[in-house]
Amino acid sequence: MPEAPDAATAWRRLLERTPGTRGALYDSLPAVAEAAHAEPRLRGLYPFPTHGTLRFLRSAPPWREPVQDDLPFILFGGPPYKVYSPGYADLLGESATPGEAAALVVRHLPPEAGKGR
């Protein structure tokens, strides 16, 4: 299945675990995806699960190369759920619940990310 054309569709497919959707087979992803979707600023970003992480991209495909992957993300194999800065540069924190991890991502977003969408 190709990537979703917009953030709303990507979130819907991710939350519904639509077959063929990136990350649909990870049993530990749904709780993290639901918690992230509950955060309005994260809901305005494009969810991109890959390699055990839930990343948040500023735009939907088609992406210019390189893809702008400059936002914090969640390592969803927890608990604990780990939140990292882009490129695993810094561990921003660990949390016991997916909701706490999503809130931690929001606290570390640049001011403009996820707003006005």
N, C-alpha and C. Protein backbone atom coordinates (compact mmCIF):
# COMPACT_ATOMS: atom_id res chain seq x y z
N MET A 1 0.86 -1.17 0.00
CA MET A 1 0.00 0.00 0.00
C MET A 1 0.90 1.23 0.00
N PRO A 2 0.63 2.19 -0.85
CA PRO A 2 1.44 3.41 -0.86
C PRO A 2 1.21 4.23 0.41
N GLU A 3 2.14 5.14 0.66
CA GLU A 3 1.98 6.03 1.81
C GLU A 3 0.70 6.83 1.67
N ALA A 4 0.08 7.17 2.78
CA ALA A 4 -1.15 7.97 2.77
C ALA A 4 -0.86 9.35 2.20
N PRO A 5 -1.83 9.95 1.52
CA PRO A 5 -1.59 11.23 0.87
C PRO A 5 -1.61 12.44 1.80
N ASP A 6 -2.09 12.25 3.03
CA ASP A 6 -2.17 13.37 3.98
C ASP A 6 -2.13 12.82 5.40
N ALA A 7 -1.92 13.72 6.36
CA ALA A 7 -1.79 13.31 7.76
C ALA A 7 -3.06 12.65 8.29
N ALA A 8 -4.23 13.19 7.97
CA ALA A 8 -5.47 12.62 8.49
C ALA A 8 -5.66 11.18 8.03
N THR A 9 -5.38 10.91 6.78
CA THR A 9 -5.50 9.56 6.25
C THR A 9 -4.46 8.65 6.87
N ALA A 10 -3.24 9.15 7.04
CA ALA A 10 -2.18 8.35 7.66
C ALA A 10 -2.57 7.97 9.09
N TRP A 11 -3.10 8.93 9.84
CA TRP A 11 -3.53 8.63 11.21
C TRP A 11 -4.66 7.61 11.21
N ARG A 12 -5.64 7.78 10.33
CA ARG A 12 -6.78 6.85 10.29
C ARG A 12 -6.29 5.44 10.01
N ARG A 13 -5.45 5.28 9.00
CA ARG A 13 -4.94 3.95 8.64
C ARG A 13 -4.12 3.35 9.79
N LEU A 14 -3.34 4.18 10.44
CA LEU A 14 -2.51 3.71 11.54
C LEU A 14 -3.38 3.27 12.72
N LEU A 15 -4.36 4.07 13.08
CA LEU A 15 -5.22 3.75 14.22
C LEU A 15 -6.12 2.55 13.95
N GLU A 16 -6.53 2.39 12.70
CA GLU A 16 -7.39 1.25 12.34
C GLU A 16 -6.58 0.00 12.03
N ARG A 17 -5.26 0.14 12.00
CA ARG A 17 -4.36 -0.98 11.65
C ARG A 17 -4.73 -1.56 10.29
N THR A 18 -4.95 -0.66 9.35
CA THR A 18 -5.31 -1.07 8.00
C THR A 18 -4.21 -1.97 7.44
N PRO A 19 -4.58 -3.16 6.94
CA PRO A 19 -3.56 -4.05 6.38
C PRO A 19 -2.74 -3.34 5.31
N GLY A 20 -1.44 -3.58 5.34
CA GLY A 20 -0.54 -2.97 4.39
C GLY A 20 -0.01 -1.61 4.81
N THR A 21 -0.55 -1.08 5.92
CA THR A 21 -0.09 0.21 6.43
C THR A 21 1.22 0.01 7.18
N ARG A 22 2.13 0.93 6.98
CA ARG A 22 3.40 0.90 7.69
C ARG A 22 3.14 0.80 9.19
N GLY A 23 3.73 -0.19 9.84
CA GLY A 23 3.60 -0.36 11.29
C GLY A 23 2.39 -1.15 11.74
N ALA A 24 1.52 -1.57 10.83
CA ALA A 24 0.27 -2.24 11.22
C ALA A 24 0.51 -3.56 11.96
N LEU A 25 1.65 -4.17 11.77
CA LEU A 25 1.90 -5.47 12.38
C LEU A 25 2.53 -5.38 13.78
N TYR A 26 2.94 -4.21 14.19
CA TYR A 26 3.55 -4.05 15.51
C TYR A 26 2.47 -4.01 16.58
N ASP A 27 2.47 -4.97 17.48
CA ASP A 27 1.47 -5.00 18.55
C ASP A 27 1.67 -3.89 19.57
N SER A 28 2.88 -3.37 19.70
CA SER A 28 3.14 -2.33 20.68
C SER A 28 2.88 -0.92 20.15
N LEU A 29 2.58 -0.80 18.87
CA LEU A 29 2.36 0.53 18.28
C LEU A 29 0.98 1.13 18.56
N PRO A 30 -0.12 0.39 18.54
CA PRO A 30 -1.44 1.03 18.67
C PRO A 30 -1.61 1.93 19.89
N ALA A 31 -1.15 1.51 21.04
CA ALA A 31 -1.32 2.34 22.24
C ALA A 31 -0.55 3.65 22.12
N VAL A 32 0.62 3.59 21.54
CA VAL A 32 1.43 4.80 21.35
C VAL A 32 0.78 5.69 20.29
N ALA A 33 0.29 5.09 19.21
CA ALA A 33 -0.36 5.87 18.16
C ALA A 33 -1.61 6.56 18.70
N GLU A 34 -2.40 5.86 19.51
CA GLU A 34 -3.61 6.47 20.09
C GLU A 34 -3.26 7.64 20.99
N ALA A 35 -2.23 7.47 21.81
CA ALA A 35 -1.81 8.55 22.71
C ALA A 35 -1.29 9.74 21.92
N ALA A 36 -0.52 9.48 20.89
CA ALA A 36 0.01 10.58 20.07
C ALA A 36 -1.12 11.30 19.34
N HIS A 37 -2.07 10.54 18.81
CA HIS A 37 -3.19 11.14 18.09
C HIS A 37 -4.04 12.01 19.00
N ALA A 38 -4.07 11.71 20.29
CA ALA A 38 -4.84 12.50 21.25
C ALA A 38 -4.23 13.89 21.48
N GLU A 39 -2.98 14.07 21.09
CA GLU A 39 -2.30 15.36 21.23
C GLU A 39 -2.54 16.18 19.97
N PRO A 40 -3.26 17.30 20.04
CA PRO A 40 -3.59 18.07 18.83
C PRO A 40 -2.37 18.43 17.97
N ARG A 41 -1.27 18.79 18.58
CA ARG A 41 -0.10 19.18 17.78
C ARG A 41 0.50 17.99 17.05
N LEU A 42 0.48 16.82 17.66
CA LEU A 42 0.99 15.64 16.97
C LEU A 42 0.02 15.19 15.89
N ARG A 43 -1.26 15.35 16.14
CA ARG A 43 -2.28 14.98 15.15
C ARG A 43 -2.12 15.81 13.88
N GLY A 44 -1.54 17.02 14.00
CA GLY A 44 -1.30 17.87 12.84
C GLY A 44 -0.07 17.49 12.04
N LEU A 45 0.68 16.51 12.53
CA LEU A 45 1.89 16.06 11.83
C LEU A 45 1.62 14.71 11.18
N TYR A 46 2.47 14.33 10.25
CA TYR A 46 2.32 13.07 9.54
C TYR A 46 2.98 11.95 10.36
N PRO A 47 2.20 10.94 10.81
CA PRO A 47 2.78 9.86 11.60
C PRO A 47 3.55 8.90 10.69
N PHE A 48 4.73 8.52 11.10
CA PHE A 48 5.57 7.68 10.26
C PHE A 48 6.26 6.62 11.12
N PRO A 49 5.62 5.45 11.29
CA PRO A 49 6.25 4.39 12.07
C PRO A 49 7.34 3.71 11.22
N THR A 50 8.50 3.53 11.82
CA THR A 50 9.58 2.83 11.14
C THR A 50 10.59 2.33 12.16
N HIS A 51 11.05 1.12 11.98
CA HIS A 51 12.11 0.54 12.79
C HIS A 51 11.85 0.69 14.30
N GLY A 52 10.63 0.40 14.74
CA GLY A 52 10.31 0.45 16.16
C GLY A 52 10.13 1.84 16.73
N THR A 53 10.00 2.83 15.84
CA THR A 53 9.79 4.21 16.28
C THR A 53 8.52 4.77 15.66
N LEU A 54 7.93 5.74 16.35
CA LEU A 54 6.86 6.53 15.76
C LEU A 54 7.42 7.93 15.59
N ARG A 55 7.65 8.28 14.33
CA ARG A 55 8.21 9.58 13.99
C ARG A 55 7.08 10.49 13.53
N PHE A 56 7.36 11.77 13.54
CA PHE A 56 6.38 12.78 13.16
C PHE A 56 7.03 13.68 12.12
N LEU A 57 6.44 13.71 10.93
CA LEU A 57 6.98 14.49 9.83
C LEU A 57 6.11 15.71 9.59
N ARG A 58 6.72 16.75 9.11
CA ARG A 58 6.02 18.02 8.89
C ARG A 58 5.10 18.00 7.68
N SER A 59 5.30 17.07 6.77
CA SER A 59 4.49 17.05 5.55
C SER A 59 4.20 15.63 5.11
N ALA A 60 3.25 15.51 4.23
CA ALA A 60 2.88 14.23 3.64
C ALA A 60 3.68 14.03 2.35
N PRO A 61 3.70 12.81 1.83
CA PRO A 61 4.40 12.59 0.56
C PRO A 61 3.70 13.32 -0.58
N PRO A 62 4.40 13.56 -1.65
CA PRO A 62 5.78 13.13 -1.92
C PRO A 62 6.76 14.02 -1.16
N TRP A 63 7.79 13.39 -0.62
CA TRP A 63 8.80 14.11 0.15
C TRP A 63 9.97 14.49 -0.73
N ARG A 64 10.49 15.68 -0.46
CA ARG A 64 11.74 16.08 -1.10
C ARG A 64 12.87 15.36 -0.40
N GLU A 65 13.88 15.04 -1.12
CA GLU A 65 15.05 14.38 -0.52
C GLU A 65 16.02 15.42 -0.03
N PRO A 66 16.61 15.28 1.10
CA PRO A 66 16.25 14.27 2.10
C PRO A 66 14.96 14.66 2.82
N VAL A 67 14.27 13.65 3.34
CA VAL A 67 13.03 13.88 4.09
C VAL A 67 13.38 14.69 5.34
N GLN A 68 12.56 15.69 5.63
CA GLN A 68 12.80 16.52 6.81
C GLN A 68 12.32 15.77 8.05
N ASP A 69 13.25 15.06 8.66
CA ASP A 69 12.99 14.27 9.85
C ASP A 69 13.71 14.97 11.01
N ASP A 70 13.14 16.08 11.45
CA ASP A 70 13.83 16.94 12.42
C ASP A 70 13.06 17.11 13.72
N LEU A 71 12.14 16.19 14.01
CA LEU A 71 11.32 16.31 15.21
C LEU A 71 11.58 15.14 16.15
N PRO A 72 11.31 15.33 17.44
CA PRO A 72 11.48 14.22 18.38
C PRO A 72 10.55 13.07 18.01
N PHE A 73 10.89 11.88 18.48
CA PHE A 73 10.11 10.69 18.17
C PHE A 73 10.09 9.74 19.35
N ILE A 74 9.18 8.75 19.27
CA ILE A 74 8.99 7.79 20.35
C ILE A 74 9.48 6.41 19.91
N LEU A 75 10.28 5.79 20.76
CA LEU A 75 10.64 4.40 20.60
C LEU A 75 9.52 3.63 21.29
N PHE A 76 8.70 2.88 20.52
CA PHE A 76 7.44 2.40 21.09
C PHE A 76 7.48 0.99 21.67
N GLY A 77 8.61 0.41 21.90
CA GLY A 77 8.67 -0.95 22.43
C GLY A 77 8.55 -1.05 23.94
N GLY A 78 8.10 -0.01 24.61
CA GLY A 78 8.10 0.05 26.06
C GLY A 78 6.95 -0.69 26.69
N PRO A 79 6.76 -0.49 27.98
CA PRO A 79 7.42 0.52 28.79
C PRO A 79 8.82 0.08 29.23
N PRO A 80 9.67 1.02 29.55
CA PRO A 80 9.44 2.46 29.40
C PRO A 80 9.46 2.85 27.93
N TYR A 81 8.76 3.91 27.63
CA TYR A 81 8.73 4.48 26.28
C TYR A 81 9.79 5.58 26.25
N LYS A 82 10.68 5.49 25.30
CA LYS A 82 11.78 6.45 25.22
C LYS A 82 11.49 7.47 24.14
N VAL A 83 11.81 8.72 24.43
CA VAL A 83 11.64 9.81 23.47
C VAL A 83 13.03 10.37 23.17
N TYR A 84 13.33 10.43 21.88
CA TYR A 84 14.64 10.91 21.42
C TYR A 84 14.50 12.15 20.57
N SER A 85 15.57 12.91 20.55
CA SER A 85 15.66 14.01 19.60
C SER A 85 16.04 13.41 18.24
N PRO A 86 15.91 14.17 17.16
CA PRO A 86 16.21 13.64 15.83
C PRO A 86 17.59 12.99 15.77
N GLY A 87 17.65 11.89 15.05
CA GLY A 87 18.91 11.21 14.85
C GLY A 87 19.44 10.51 16.10
N TYR A 88 18.59 10.30 17.08
CA TYR A 88 19.00 9.70 18.36
C TYR A 88 20.08 10.53 19.03
N ALA A 89 20.12 11.83 18.75
CA ALA A 89 21.17 12.69 19.31
C ALA A 89 21.10 12.74 20.84
N ASP A 90 19.89 12.84 21.38
CA ASP A 90 19.72 12.91 22.84
C ASP A 90 18.49 12.12 23.26
N LEU A 91 18.62 11.42 24.38
CA LEU A 91 17.46 10.82 25.01
C LEU A 91 16.77 11.94 25.78
N LEU A 92 15.58 12.32 25.34
CA LEU A 92 14.87 13.43 25.98
C LEU A 92 14.16 12.99 27.25
N GLY A 93 13.90 11.71 27.35
CA GLY A 93 13.27 11.20 28.55
C GLY A 93 12.64 9.84 28.33
N GLU A 94 12.24 9.23 29.43
CA GLU A 94 11.54 7.96 29.42
C GLU A 94 10.24 8.14 30.17
N SER A 95 9.23 7.38 29.78
CA SER A 95 7.95 7.48 30.48
C SER A 95 7.35 6.09 30.65
N ALA A 96 6.47 5.99 31.61
CA ALA A 96 5.82 4.72 31.91
C ALA A 96 4.63 4.45 31.01
N THR A 97 4.06 5.52 30.44
CA THR A 97 2.86 5.34 29.62
C THR A 97 3.02 6.00 28.26
N PRO A 98 2.27 5.52 27.28
CA PRO A 98 2.30 6.16 25.96
C PRO A 98 1.87 7.62 26.01
N GLY A 99 0.89 7.95 26.85
CA GLY A 99 0.42 9.33 26.96
C GLY A 99 1.51 10.27 27.46
N GLU A 100 2.28 9.80 28.42
CA GLU A 100 3.39 10.61 28.92
C GLU A 100 4.46 10.79 27.85
N ALA A 101 4.69 9.75 27.06
CA ALA A 101 5.67 9.86 25.97
C ALA A 101 5.22 10.86 24.92
N ALA A 102 3.93 10.82 24.56
CA ALA A 102 3.41 11.77 23.58
C ALA A 102 3.51 13.20 24.11
N ALA A 103 3.19 13.40 25.38
CA ALA A 103 3.29 14.74 25.97
C ALA A 103 4.74 15.22 25.98
N LEU A 104 5.67 14.32 26.20
CA LEU A 104 7.09 14.67 26.18
C LEU A 104 7.52 15.12 24.79
N VAL A 105 7.03 14.44 23.76
CA VAL A 105 7.34 14.87 22.40
C VAL A 105 6.81 16.28 22.18
N VAL A 106 5.58 16.53 22.57
CA VAL A 106 4.97 17.85 22.37
C VAL A 106 5.80 18.93 23.07
N ARG A 107 6.26 18.66 24.27
CA ARG A 107 7.07 19.65 25.00
C ARG A 107 8.37 19.99 24.28
N HIS A 108 8.86 19.10 23.43
CA HIS A 108 10.12 19.32 22.74
C HIS A 108 9.96 19.69 21.26
N LEU A 109 8.73 19.91 20.82
CA LEU A 109 8.50 20.34 19.44
C LEU A 109 8.92 21.80 19.26
N PRO A 110 9.44 22.13 18.10
CA PRO A 110 9.64 23.55 17.79
C PRO A 110 8.28 24.25 17.83
N PRO A 111 8.24 25.53 18.14
CA PRO A 111 6.97 26.25 18.32
C PRO A 111 5.99 26.13 17.15
N GLU A 112 6.50 26.07 15.93
CA GLU A 112 5.60 26.06 14.76
C GLU A 112 5.14 24.67 14.36
N ALA A 113 5.76 23.62 14.85
CA ALA A 113 5.47 22.26 14.40
C ALA A 113 4.09 21.81 14.88
N GLY A 114 3.28 21.34 13.96
CA GLY A 114 1.99 20.78 14.28
C GLY A 114 0.89 21.80 14.53
N LYS A 115 1.17 23.05 14.31
CA LYS A 115 0.14 24.09 14.52
C LYS A 115 -0.44 24.53 13.18
N GLY A 116 -1.68 24.92 13.22
CA GLY A 116 -2.32 25.50 12.05
C GLY A 116 -2.54 24.56 10.90
N ARG A 117 -2.75 23.30 11.21
CA ARG A 117 -2.99 22.33 10.14
C ARG A 117 -4.39 21.85 10.21
